[in-house]
N, C-alpha and C. Protein backbone atom coordinates (compact mmCIF):
# COMPACT_ATOMS: atom_id res chain seq x y z
N UNK A 1 113.00 110.37 109.45
CA UNK A 1 112.10 109.25 109.73
C UNK A 1 110.64 109.69 109.53
N UNK A 2 109.86 108.87 108.81
CA UNK A 2 108.45 109.19 108.56
C UNK A 2 107.64 108.96 109.82
N UNK A 3 106.80 109.94 110.18
CA UNK A 3 105.98 109.82 111.38
C UNK A 3 104.93 108.73 111.20
N UNK A 4 104.67 107.98 112.25
CA UNK A 4 103.65 106.94 112.21
C UNK A 4 102.28 107.59 112.09
N UNK A 5 101.42 107.10 111.17
CA UNK A 5 100.08 107.68 111.04
C UNK A 5 99.30 107.58 112.34
N UNK A 6 98.44 108.57 112.58
CA UNK A 6 97.63 108.56 113.79
C UNK A 6 96.61 107.43 113.73
N UNK A 7 95.99 107.13 114.87
CA UNK A 7 94.97 106.08 114.91
C UNK A 7 93.82 106.42 113.97
N UNK A 8 93.42 107.68 113.94
CA UNK A 8 92.33 108.11 113.06
C UNK A 8 92.70 107.89 111.59
N UNK A 9 93.92 108.22 111.23
CA UNK A 9 94.36 108.03 109.84
C UNK A 9 94.41 106.56 109.48
N UNK A 10 94.85 105.71 110.42
CA UNK A 10 94.90 104.28 110.15
C UNK A 10 93.50 103.70 109.97
N UNK A 11 92.55 104.19 110.78
CA UNK A 11 91.17 103.73 110.64
C UNK A 11 90.58 104.14 109.29
N UNK A 12 90.85 105.37 108.90
CA UNK A 12 90.36 105.85 107.60
C UNK A 12 90.95 105.02 106.46
N UNK A 13 92.22 104.68 106.59
CA UNK A 13 92.87 103.88 105.55
C UNK A 13 92.26 102.49 105.49
N UNK A 14 92.00 101.88 106.66
CA UNK A 14 91.40 100.55 106.67
C UNK A 14 90.00 100.58 106.06
N UNK A 15 89.22 101.61 106.40
CA UNK A 15 87.87 101.75 105.84
C UNK A 15 87.93 101.90 104.33
N UNK A 16 88.86 102.72 103.86
CA UNK A 16 89.01 102.95 102.42
C UNK A 16 89.39 101.65 101.71
N UNK A 17 90.33 100.91 102.27
CA UNK A 17 90.75 99.65 101.65
C UNK A 17 89.63 98.62 101.69
N UNK A 18 88.81 98.63 102.77
CA UNK A 18 87.68 97.70 102.84
C UNK A 18 86.66 98.01 101.75
N UNK A 19 86.43 99.29 101.49
CA UNK A 19 85.51 99.67 100.43
C UNK A 19 86.05 99.27 99.06
N UNK A 20 87.34 99.48 98.84
CA UNK A 20 87.94 99.09 97.56
C UNK A 20 87.85 97.57 97.37
N UNK A 21 88.20 96.82 98.40
CA UNK A 21 88.17 95.36 98.30
C UNK A 21 86.74 94.86 98.05
N UNK A 22 85.77 95.45 98.75
CA UNK A 22 84.38 95.04 98.55
C UNK A 22 83.92 95.37 97.14
N UNK A 23 84.30 96.55 96.66
CA UNK A 23 83.91 96.96 95.31
C UNK A 23 84.49 96.02 94.26
N UNK A 24 85.79 95.73 94.36
CA UNK A 24 86.44 94.87 93.38
C UNK A 24 85.87 93.45 93.43
N UNK A 25 85.57 92.98 94.63
CA UNK A 25 85.01 91.64 94.77
C UNK A 25 83.61 91.55 94.16
N UNK A 26 82.74 92.49 94.55
CA UNK A 26 81.36 92.46 94.05
C UNK A 26 81.29 92.73 92.56
N UNK A 27 82.02 93.72 92.09
CA UNK A 27 82.00 94.05 90.66
C UNK A 27 82.57 92.90 89.84
N UNK A 28 83.60 92.25 90.37
CA UNK A 28 84.21 91.14 89.65
C UNK A 28 83.30 89.93 89.57
N UNK A 29 82.54 89.66 90.64
CA UNK A 29 81.68 88.47 90.67
C UNK A 29 80.35 88.69 89.97
N UNK A 30 79.76 89.89 90.15
CA UNK A 30 78.40 90.11 89.68
C UNK A 30 78.29 91.10 88.53
N UNK A 31 79.35 91.82 88.27
CA UNK A 31 79.29 92.83 87.23
C UNK A 31 79.01 94.20 87.82
N UNK A 32 79.70 95.20 87.33
CA UNK A 32 79.60 96.55 87.88
C UNK A 32 78.16 97.06 87.89
N UNK A 33 77.43 96.86 86.80
CA UNK A 33 76.08 97.41 86.68
C UNK A 33 75.06 96.70 87.55
N UNK A 34 75.42 95.55 88.09
CA UNK A 34 74.47 94.76 88.87
C UNK A 34 74.71 94.87 90.38
N UNK A 35 75.54 95.80 90.78
CA UNK A 35 75.81 96.03 92.20
C UNK A 35 75.35 97.44 92.56
N UNK A 36 74.45 97.55 93.52
CA UNK A 36 73.98 98.86 93.93
C UNK A 36 74.92 99.45 94.99
N UNK A 37 74.81 100.74 95.17
CA UNK A 37 75.63 101.39 96.20
C UNK A 37 75.26 100.87 97.58
N UNK A 38 73.97 100.60 97.80
CA UNK A 38 73.54 100.05 99.09
C UNK A 38 74.22 98.70 99.35
N UNK A 39 74.28 97.86 98.35
CA UNK A 39 74.90 96.55 98.51
C UNK A 39 76.40 96.67 98.77
N UNK A 40 77.03 97.62 98.10
CA UNK A 40 78.46 97.84 98.31
C UNK A 40 78.73 98.30 99.73
N UNK A 41 77.94 99.23 100.21
CA UNK A 41 78.13 99.74 101.58
C UNK A 41 77.85 98.66 102.61
N UNK A 42 76.84 97.83 102.34
CA UNK A 42 76.54 96.74 103.27
C UNK A 42 77.69 95.75 103.33
N UNK A 43 78.28 95.42 102.18
CA UNK A 43 79.38 94.47 102.15
C UNK A 43 80.59 95.00 102.91
N UNK A 44 80.83 96.31 102.83
CA UNK A 44 81.98 96.91 103.51
C UNK A 44 81.64 97.34 104.94
N UNK A 45 80.35 97.21 105.32
CA UNK A 45 79.87 97.58 106.66
C UNK A 45 80.13 99.06 106.96
N UNK A 46 79.75 99.90 106.00
CA UNK A 46 79.85 101.34 106.19
C UNK A 46 78.54 101.98 105.73
N UNK A 47 78.32 103.21 106.16
CA UNK A 47 77.14 103.95 105.74
C UNK A 47 77.40 104.63 104.40
N UNK A 48 76.31 105.09 103.75
CA UNK A 48 76.49 105.86 102.51
C UNK A 48 77.24 107.15 102.79
N UNK A 49 77.00 107.71 103.94
CA UNK A 49 77.70 108.94 104.30
C UNK A 49 79.21 108.70 104.34
N UNK A 50 79.61 107.58 104.94
CA UNK A 50 81.04 107.25 104.98
C UNK A 50 81.57 107.01 103.57
N UNK A 51 80.77 106.33 102.74
CA UNK A 51 81.21 106.09 101.36
C UNK A 51 81.51 107.40 100.65
N UNK A 52 80.59 108.35 100.73
CA UNK A 52 80.76 109.60 99.99
C UNK A 52 81.77 110.54 100.64
N UNK A 53 82.17 110.24 101.86
CA UNK A 53 83.31 110.97 102.43
C UNK A 53 84.62 110.44 101.85
N UNK A 54 84.56 109.24 101.28
CA UNK A 54 85.77 108.56 100.79
C UNK A 54 85.87 108.60 99.27
N UNK A 55 84.75 108.35 98.59
CA UNK A 55 84.73 108.28 97.13
C UNK A 55 83.57 109.10 96.58
N UNK A 56 83.68 109.46 95.32
CA UNK A 56 82.61 110.24 94.68
C UNK A 56 81.60 109.36 93.96
N UNK A 57 81.96 108.12 93.66
CA UNK A 57 81.09 107.26 92.88
C UNK A 57 81.58 105.82 92.96
N UNK A 58 80.77 104.89 92.43
CA UNK A 58 81.22 103.49 92.34
C UNK A 58 82.46 103.37 91.45
N UNK A 59 82.48 104.14 90.36
CA UNK A 59 83.63 104.11 89.46
C UNK A 59 84.90 104.55 90.18
N UNK A 60 84.77 105.57 91.00
CA UNK A 60 85.92 106.07 91.76
C UNK A 60 86.45 104.99 92.70
N UNK A 61 85.55 104.29 93.37
CA UNK A 61 85.98 103.22 94.28
C UNK A 61 86.69 102.11 93.50
N UNK A 62 86.17 101.79 92.32
CA UNK A 62 86.77 100.72 91.52
C UNK A 62 88.16 101.09 91.02
N UNK A 63 88.37 102.37 90.71
CA UNK A 63 89.63 102.82 90.10
C UNK A 63 90.59 103.43 91.12
N UNK A 64 90.25 103.44 92.38
CA UNK A 64 91.04 104.18 93.38
C UNK A 64 92.49 103.71 93.46
N UNK A 65 92.71 102.41 93.37
CA UNK A 65 94.08 101.89 93.47
C UNK A 65 94.96 102.44 92.35
N UNK A 66 94.42 102.46 91.16
CA UNK A 66 95.14 103.00 89.99
C UNK A 66 95.36 104.51 90.13
N UNK A 67 94.33 105.20 90.59
CA UNK A 67 94.42 106.65 90.73
C UNK A 67 95.40 107.04 91.83
N UNK A 68 95.50 106.24 92.86
CA UNK A 68 96.47 106.50 93.93
C UNK A 68 97.90 106.50 93.37
N UNK A 69 98.18 105.55 92.49
CA UNK A 69 99.52 105.47 91.90
C UNK A 69 99.82 106.73 91.10
N UNK A 70 98.88 107.18 90.32
CA UNK A 70 99.10 108.37 89.51
C UNK A 70 99.17 109.63 90.35
N UNK A 71 98.41 109.69 91.44
CA UNK A 71 98.51 110.85 92.34
C UNK A 71 99.92 110.93 92.92
N UNK A 72 100.46 109.79 93.31
CA UNK A 72 101.83 109.76 93.84
C UNK A 72 102.85 110.12 92.76
N UNK A 73 102.59 109.70 91.51
CA UNK A 73 103.49 110.04 90.41
C UNK A 73 103.50 111.55 90.16
N UNK A 74 102.34 112.18 90.23
CA UNK A 74 102.28 113.64 90.04
C UNK A 74 102.98 114.37 91.19
N UNK A 75 102.87 113.84 92.38
CA UNK A 75 103.61 114.43 93.51
C UNK A 75 105.11 114.34 93.27
N UNK A 76 105.55 113.19 92.77
CA UNK A 76 106.98 113.01 92.47
C UNK A 76 107.42 113.95 91.36
N UNK A 77 106.57 114.15 90.37
CA UNK A 77 106.89 115.06 89.27
C UNK A 77 107.05 116.49 89.78
N UNK A 78 106.16 116.87 90.68
CA UNK A 78 106.23 118.23 91.23
C UNK A 78 107.45 118.40 92.12
N UNK A 79 107.88 117.33 92.79
CA UNK A 79 109.03 117.40 93.69
C UNK A 79 110.36 117.25 92.98
N UNK A 80 110.33 116.81 91.72
CA UNK A 80 111.58 116.60 90.98
C UNK A 80 112.33 117.91 90.79
N UNK A 81 113.66 117.90 90.87
CA UNK A 81 114.43 119.13 90.68
C UNK A 81 114.13 119.75 89.32
N UNK A 82 113.89 121.05 89.26
CA UNK A 82 113.62 121.69 87.97
C UNK A 82 114.83 121.61 87.06
N UNK A 83 114.56 121.56 85.78
CA UNK A 83 115.65 121.47 84.81
C UNK A 83 115.12 121.05 83.46
N UNK A 84 116.00 120.96 82.50
CA UNK A 84 115.60 120.64 81.13
C UNK A 84 115.89 119.18 80.80
N UNK A 85 115.17 118.28 81.46
CA UNK A 85 115.28 116.85 81.16
C UNK A 85 114.26 116.48 80.09
N UNK A 86 114.53 115.45 79.30
CA UNK A 86 113.52 114.97 78.34
C UNK A 86 112.21 114.64 79.06
N UNK A 87 111.11 115.07 78.48
CA UNK A 87 109.79 114.86 79.10
C UNK A 87 109.53 113.38 79.37
N UNK A 88 109.85 112.53 78.43
CA UNK A 88 109.58 111.10 78.58
C UNK A 88 110.37 110.53 79.77
N UNK A 89 111.62 110.91 79.90
CA UNK A 89 112.43 110.43 81.02
C UNK A 89 111.88 110.93 82.35
N UNK A 90 111.46 112.17 82.37
CA UNK A 90 110.93 112.76 83.60
C UNK A 90 109.65 112.05 84.03
N UNK A 91 108.78 111.77 83.10
CA UNK A 91 107.53 111.08 83.42
C UNK A 91 107.79 109.63 83.82
N UNK A 92 108.72 108.97 83.15
CA UNK A 92 109.08 107.58 83.53
C UNK A 92 109.54 107.53 84.98
N UNK A 93 110.46 108.41 85.33
CA UNK A 93 110.99 108.41 86.69
C UNK A 93 109.92 108.77 87.72
N UNK A 94 109.01 109.66 87.35
CA UNK A 94 107.92 110.04 88.26
C UNK A 94 106.96 108.87 88.46
N UNK A 95 106.67 108.15 87.39
CA UNK A 95 105.81 106.96 87.50
C UNK A 95 106.44 105.92 88.41
N UNK A 96 107.72 105.67 88.23
CA UNK A 96 108.41 104.68 89.07
C UNK A 96 108.45 105.13 90.52
N UNK A 97 108.64 106.43 90.75
CA UNK A 97 108.63 106.95 92.12
C UNK A 97 107.25 106.81 92.75
N UNK A 98 106.20 107.08 91.96
CA UNK A 98 104.84 106.90 92.46
C UNK A 98 104.55 105.45 92.78
N UNK A 99 104.98 104.56 91.91
CA UNK A 99 104.80 103.12 92.14
C UNK A 99 105.51 102.67 93.41
N UNK A 100 106.68 103.22 93.65
CA UNK A 100 107.46 102.84 94.83
C UNK A 100 106.74 103.20 96.13
N UNK A 101 105.86 104.18 96.08
CA UNK A 101 105.13 104.60 97.28
C UNK A 101 103.90 103.73 97.56
N UNK A 102 103.56 102.88 96.62
CA UNK A 102 102.37 102.03 96.79
C UNK A 102 102.75 100.77 97.57
N UNK A 103 102.90 100.93 98.88
CA UNK A 103 103.47 99.87 99.70
C UNK A 103 102.47 99.21 100.65
N UNK A 104 101.18 99.53 100.50
CA UNK A 104 100.21 98.91 101.41
C UNK A 104 100.00 97.44 101.05
N UNK A 105 99.65 96.64 102.05
CA UNK A 105 99.43 95.21 101.83
C UNK A 105 98.31 95.01 100.81
N UNK A 106 98.57 94.17 99.84
CA UNK A 106 97.53 93.83 98.87
C UNK A 106 97.36 94.83 97.74
N UNK A 107 98.18 95.89 97.71
CA UNK A 107 97.98 96.92 96.69
C UNK A 107 98.14 96.35 95.28
N UNK A 108 99.16 95.55 95.04
CA UNK A 108 99.42 95.04 93.70
C UNK A 108 98.27 94.15 93.21
N UNK A 109 97.74 93.32 94.09
CA UNK A 109 96.62 92.47 93.69
C UNK A 109 95.38 93.32 93.41
N UNK A 110 95.15 94.35 94.20
CA UNK A 110 94.03 95.26 93.92
C UNK A 110 94.19 95.90 92.54
N UNK A 111 95.40 96.32 92.24
CA UNK A 111 95.63 96.97 90.95
C UNK A 111 95.36 95.99 89.80
N UNK A 112 95.82 94.77 89.93
CA UNK A 112 95.59 93.79 88.87
C UNK A 112 94.09 93.55 88.67
N UNK A 113 93.35 93.44 89.75
CA UNK A 113 91.91 93.25 89.64
C UNK A 113 91.25 94.48 89.02
N UNK A 114 91.76 95.66 89.35
CA UNK A 114 91.24 96.89 88.77
C UNK A 114 91.43 96.91 87.26
N UNK A 115 92.62 96.52 86.80
CA UNK A 115 92.91 96.50 85.36
C UNK A 115 91.98 95.52 84.65
N UNK A 116 91.81 94.33 85.20
CA UNK A 116 90.92 93.34 84.58
C UNK A 116 89.48 93.86 84.53
N UNK A 117 89.06 94.52 85.60
CA UNK A 117 87.69 95.04 85.67
C UNK A 117 87.47 96.15 84.65
N UNK A 118 88.44 97.01 84.48
CA UNK A 118 88.29 98.13 83.54
C UNK A 118 88.17 97.63 82.10
N UNK A 119 88.89 96.56 81.78
CA UNK A 119 88.83 95.99 80.43
C UNK A 119 87.44 95.42 80.15
N UNK A 120 86.79 94.88 81.19
CA UNK A 120 85.51 94.19 81.01
C UNK A 120 84.30 95.08 81.24
N UNK A 121 84.51 96.33 81.67
CA UNK A 121 83.40 97.18 82.09
C UNK A 121 83.44 98.53 81.39
N UNK A 122 82.53 98.77 80.43
CA UNK A 122 82.55 100.04 79.69
C UNK A 122 82.48 101.28 80.57
N UNK A 123 81.69 101.26 81.63
CA UNK A 123 81.56 102.44 82.49
C UNK A 123 82.88 102.77 83.18
N UNK A 124 83.59 101.75 83.61
CA UNK A 124 84.88 101.97 84.27
C UNK A 124 85.94 102.36 83.26
N UNK A 125 85.88 101.77 82.08
CA UNK A 125 86.82 102.14 81.03
C UNK A 125 86.66 103.61 80.65
N UNK A 126 85.41 104.07 80.57
CA UNK A 126 85.15 105.47 80.26
C UNK A 126 85.66 106.38 81.38
N UNK A 127 85.45 105.95 82.63
CA UNK A 127 85.97 106.71 83.77
C UNK A 127 87.49 106.79 83.70
N UNK A 128 88.12 105.69 83.31
CA UNK A 128 89.58 105.64 83.22
C UNK A 128 90.09 106.58 82.13
N UNK A 129 89.40 106.64 80.99
CA UNK A 129 89.80 107.54 79.91
C UNK A 129 89.70 108.99 80.34
N UNK A 130 88.62 109.33 81.06
CA UNK A 130 88.46 110.69 81.55
C UNK A 130 89.56 111.02 82.57
N UNK A 131 89.84 110.06 83.44
CA UNK A 131 90.91 110.27 84.43
C UNK A 131 92.25 110.46 83.74
N UNK A 132 92.51 109.68 82.70
CA UNK A 132 93.76 109.79 81.96
C UNK A 132 93.91 111.19 81.36
N UNK A 133 92.83 111.71 80.80
CA UNK A 133 92.87 113.06 80.21
C UNK A 133 93.18 114.10 81.28
N UNK A 134 92.49 114.01 82.41
CA UNK A 134 92.72 114.99 83.48
C UNK A 134 94.14 114.89 84.04
N UNK A 135 94.62 113.68 84.16
CA UNK A 135 95.97 113.48 84.71
C UNK A 135 97.04 113.99 83.74
N UNK A 136 96.83 113.76 82.46
CA UNK A 136 97.76 114.28 81.45
C UNK A 136 97.81 115.79 81.50
N UNK A 137 96.66 116.42 81.61
CA UNK A 137 96.62 117.88 81.70
C UNK A 137 97.32 118.36 82.97
N UNK A 138 97.13 117.65 84.07
CA UNK A 138 97.79 118.03 85.33
C UNK A 138 99.30 117.90 85.21
N UNK A 139 99.77 116.83 84.56
CA UNK A 139 101.21 116.64 84.37
C UNK A 139 101.80 117.76 83.51
N UNK A 140 101.11 118.12 82.44
CA UNK A 140 101.59 119.20 81.57
C UNK A 140 101.63 120.52 82.33
N UNK A 141 100.65 120.74 83.19
CA UNK A 141 100.63 121.97 83.98
C UNK A 141 101.82 122.03 84.94
N UNK A 142 102.12 120.91 85.58
CA UNK A 142 103.27 120.86 86.49
C UNK A 142 104.56 121.12 85.72
N UNK A 143 104.68 120.50 84.57
CA UNK A 143 105.92 120.68 83.79
C UNK A 143 106.05 122.10 83.26
N UNK A 144 104.93 122.74 82.96
CA UNK A 144 104.99 124.13 82.54
C UNK A 144 105.45 125.04 83.68
N UNK A 145 104.88 124.80 84.87
CA UNK A 145 105.16 125.67 86.01
C UNK A 145 106.50 125.37 86.68
N UNK A 146 106.92 124.12 86.65
CA UNK A 146 108.08 123.71 87.43
C UNK A 146 109.29 123.35 86.59
N UNK A 147 109.04 122.87 85.37
CA UNK A 147 110.14 122.32 84.58
C UNK A 147 110.34 123.05 83.26
N UNK A 148 109.95 124.30 83.20
CA UNK A 148 110.25 125.18 82.07
C UNK A 148 109.68 124.68 80.75
N UNK A 149 108.52 124.05 80.80
CA UNK A 149 107.85 123.62 79.58
C UNK A 149 107.03 124.80 79.06
N UNK A 150 107.57 125.50 78.09
CA UNK A 150 106.99 126.78 77.69
C UNK A 150 105.81 126.62 76.74
N UNK A 151 105.73 125.53 75.99
CA UNK A 151 104.70 125.40 74.97
C UNK A 151 103.99 124.06 75.09
N UNK A 152 103.08 123.91 76.06
CA UNK A 152 102.45 122.61 76.30
C UNK A 152 101.59 122.13 75.14
N UNK A 153 101.23 122.99 74.20
CA UNK A 153 100.42 122.57 73.05
C UNK A 153 101.28 122.29 71.81
N UNK A 154 102.58 122.39 71.96
CA UNK A 154 103.51 122.05 70.88
C UNK A 154 103.30 120.57 70.50
N UNK A 155 103.26 120.28 69.19
CA UNK A 155 103.08 118.90 68.74
C UNK A 155 104.07 117.95 69.40
N UNK A 156 105.32 118.39 69.55
CA UNK A 156 106.35 117.53 70.13
C UNK A 156 106.02 117.17 71.57
N UNK A 157 105.50 118.15 72.31
CA UNK A 157 105.13 117.91 73.71
C UNK A 157 103.95 116.95 73.79
N UNK A 158 102.93 117.19 72.98
CA UNK A 158 101.74 116.35 73.01
C UNK A 158 102.05 114.92 72.58
N UNK A 159 102.88 114.78 71.55
CA UNK A 159 103.26 113.44 71.11
C UNK A 159 104.11 112.73 72.15
N UNK A 160 104.99 113.48 72.81
CA UNK A 160 105.81 112.87 73.87
C UNK A 160 104.92 112.36 75.00
N UNK A 161 103.89 113.14 75.37
CA UNK A 161 102.99 112.70 76.43
C UNK A 161 102.16 111.51 75.97
N UNK A 162 101.75 111.49 74.71
CA UNK A 162 101.04 110.32 74.18
C UNK A 162 101.91 109.07 74.26
N UNK A 163 103.19 109.22 74.00
CA UNK A 163 104.12 108.09 74.08
C UNK A 163 104.23 107.61 75.52
N UNK A 164 104.27 108.54 76.46
CA UNK A 164 104.31 108.17 77.88
C UNK A 164 103.08 107.35 78.24
N UNK A 165 101.91 107.84 77.85
CA UNK A 165 100.66 107.14 78.18
C UNK A 165 100.64 105.75 77.54
N UNK A 166 101.07 105.68 76.27
CA UNK A 166 101.08 104.39 75.58
C UNK A 166 102.04 103.40 76.25
N UNK A 167 103.23 103.86 76.60
CA UNK A 167 104.20 102.98 77.26
C UNK A 167 103.66 102.50 78.60
N UNK A 168 103.03 103.39 79.34
CA UNK A 168 102.46 103.01 80.63
C UNK A 168 101.35 101.99 80.45
N UNK A 169 100.45 102.23 79.50
CA UNK A 169 99.33 101.32 79.30
C UNK A 169 99.80 99.95 78.83
N UNK A 170 100.80 99.92 77.95
CA UNK A 170 101.32 98.64 77.49
C UNK A 170 101.99 97.87 78.62
N UNK A 171 102.72 98.59 79.46
CA UNK A 171 103.43 97.91 80.55
C UNK A 171 102.44 97.36 81.58
N UNK A 172 101.41 98.14 81.88
CA UNK A 172 100.48 97.67 82.91
C UNK A 172 99.59 96.54 82.38
N UNK A 173 99.29 96.56 81.06
CA UNK A 173 98.52 95.47 80.48
C UNK A 173 99.32 94.17 80.48
N UNK A 174 100.60 94.27 80.13
CA UNK A 174 101.45 93.07 80.13
C UNK A 174 101.58 92.53 81.55
N UNK A 175 101.78 93.43 82.51
CA UNK A 175 101.93 93.01 83.91
C UNK A 175 100.66 92.34 84.42
N UNK A 176 99.50 92.93 84.12
CA UNK A 176 98.24 92.39 84.63
C UNK A 176 97.91 91.04 84.03
N UNK A 177 98.46 90.75 82.85
CA UNK A 177 98.21 89.46 82.19
C UNK A 177 99.08 88.34 82.73
N UNK A 178 100.06 88.68 83.56
CA UNK A 178 100.94 87.64 84.11
C UNK A 178 100.17 86.74 85.07
N UNK A 179 100.60 85.49 85.13
CA UNK A 179 100.02 84.57 86.11
C UNK A 179 100.86 84.60 87.38
N UNK A 180 100.32 84.03 88.43
CA UNK A 180 101.04 84.02 89.70
C UNK A 180 100.71 85.24 90.54
N UNK A 181 101.43 85.40 91.60
CA UNK A 181 101.17 86.48 92.55
C UNK A 181 101.48 87.83 91.92
N UNK A 182 100.58 88.81 92.14
CA UNK A 182 100.82 90.16 91.65
C UNK A 182 102.03 90.75 92.37
N UNK A 183 102.94 91.32 91.62
CA UNK A 183 104.22 91.76 92.16
C UNK A 183 104.50 93.19 91.69
N UNK A 184 104.67 94.09 92.65
CA UNK A 184 104.94 95.49 92.32
C UNK A 184 106.29 95.65 91.62
N UNK A 185 107.27 94.84 92.01
CA UNK A 185 108.59 94.92 91.39
C UNK A 185 108.52 94.53 89.91
N UNK A 186 107.68 93.56 89.57
CA UNK A 186 107.52 93.18 88.17
C UNK A 186 106.88 94.29 87.36
N UNK A 187 105.95 95.02 87.97
CA UNK A 187 105.35 96.16 87.27
C UNK A 187 106.40 97.23 87.00
N UNK A 188 107.29 97.46 87.95
CA UNK A 188 108.38 98.42 87.73
C UNK A 188 109.28 97.95 86.59
N UNK A 189 109.55 96.63 86.55
CA UNK A 189 110.40 96.09 85.49
C UNK A 189 109.72 96.21 84.13
N UNK A 190 108.42 95.93 84.08
CA UNK A 190 107.69 96.06 82.82
C UNK A 190 107.62 97.52 82.37
N UNK A 191 107.52 98.42 83.33
CA UNK A 191 107.50 99.85 83.00
C UNK A 191 108.83 100.27 82.38
N UNK A 192 109.93 99.85 82.99
CA UNK A 192 111.25 100.16 82.44
C UNK A 192 111.43 99.55 81.05
N UNK A 193 110.94 98.34 80.87
CA UNK A 193 111.07 97.68 79.57
C UNK A 193 110.29 98.42 78.49
N UNK A 194 109.08 98.85 78.83
CA UNK A 194 108.26 99.56 77.84
C UNK A 194 108.89 100.89 77.45
N UNK A 195 109.35 101.65 78.44
CA UNK A 195 109.98 102.93 78.13
C UNK A 195 111.31 102.71 77.40
N UNK A 196 112.01 101.65 77.74
CA UNK A 196 113.26 101.36 77.08
C UNK A 196 113.09 100.98 75.61
N UNK A 197 111.89 100.50 75.26
CA UNK A 197 111.63 100.10 73.88
C UNK A 197 111.21 101.26 72.98
N UNK A 198 110.99 102.43 73.58
CA UNK A 198 110.47 103.56 72.80
C UNK A 198 111.38 103.94 71.63
N UNK A 199 112.69 104.14 71.82
CA UNK A 199 113.53 104.56 70.68
C UNK A 199 113.45 103.61 69.49
N UNK A 200 113.56 102.31 69.74
CA UNK A 200 113.51 101.34 68.64
C UNK A 200 112.12 101.27 68.02
N UNK A 201 111.08 101.54 68.82
CA UNK A 201 109.72 101.46 68.28
C UNK A 201 109.47 102.51 67.21
N UNK A 202 110.22 103.61 67.25
CA UNK A 202 110.02 104.69 66.28
C UNK A 202 110.67 104.39 64.94
N UNK A 203 111.49 103.37 64.90
CA UNK A 203 112.17 103.03 63.64
C UNK A 203 111.93 101.58 63.23
N UNK A 204 111.05 100.88 63.93
CA UNK A 204 110.82 99.46 63.61
C UNK A 204 110.22 99.36 62.21
N UNK A 205 110.59 98.33 61.48
CA UNK A 205 110.14 98.14 60.10
C UNK A 205 109.50 96.77 59.94
N UNK A 206 108.82 96.59 58.84
CA UNK A 206 108.25 95.28 58.54
C UNK A 206 109.36 94.25 58.41
N UNK A 207 109.10 93.07 58.94
CA UNK A 207 110.10 92.01 58.87
C UNK A 207 111.11 92.05 60.00
N UNK A 208 110.99 93.03 60.92
CA UNK A 208 111.91 93.09 62.05
C UNK A 208 111.65 91.92 62.98
N UNK A 209 112.70 91.32 63.56
CA UNK A 209 112.50 90.19 64.48
C UNK A 209 111.75 90.63 65.73
N UNK A 210 110.86 89.77 66.20
CA UNK A 210 110.07 90.09 67.39
C UNK A 210 110.97 90.08 68.61
N UNK A 211 110.64 90.97 69.56
CA UNK A 211 111.37 91.03 70.82
C UNK A 211 110.39 90.83 71.96
N UNK A 212 110.61 89.82 72.75
CA UNK A 212 109.77 89.55 73.93
C UNK A 212 110.62 89.72 75.17
N UNK A 213 110.04 90.35 76.19
CA UNK A 213 110.78 90.56 77.45
C UNK A 213 110.01 89.92 78.58
């Protein structure tokens, strides 16, 4: 049985979520570049000191929901039993395990707003690209140390990781474009669909019938 978080931990979590919600609301309504850190802290009713104990920058606050999912995915990757599984399958299962841990109220809606914001905001998009690079390197390091990946710079390894990133990005873009209530289960389904389409995508030809899921 998982231990109940302490009162201090619950307060920290509420403060963090209030900062994320305020950031997404203000950035969405007024634009990322037109919101100062002072205004963000005022909206969340926290001091700058509290902000910087929680996040490193406005970009970090805006992308925190997305980064939380990937942090959980890397934890799942590190906890996975060592062995010689296909890299793509291992990363797919780790992503789904990380997604399964994102159970806080409102998380899916925060993620959808984050995706929309990143598409519309060059500074956040750049932050996301940098985060993607660092996360990919972290995943390769885990697989080298834990899953017997001996040659992380091998073309096959790098291309496999590129395929993972592409499948993830396509699935999350399709999910974020859906109308109606944001649903974590639908994101899991879109993730499975994207990864499931990988084999056929490598042999698709001109004139092939379109497949919509």
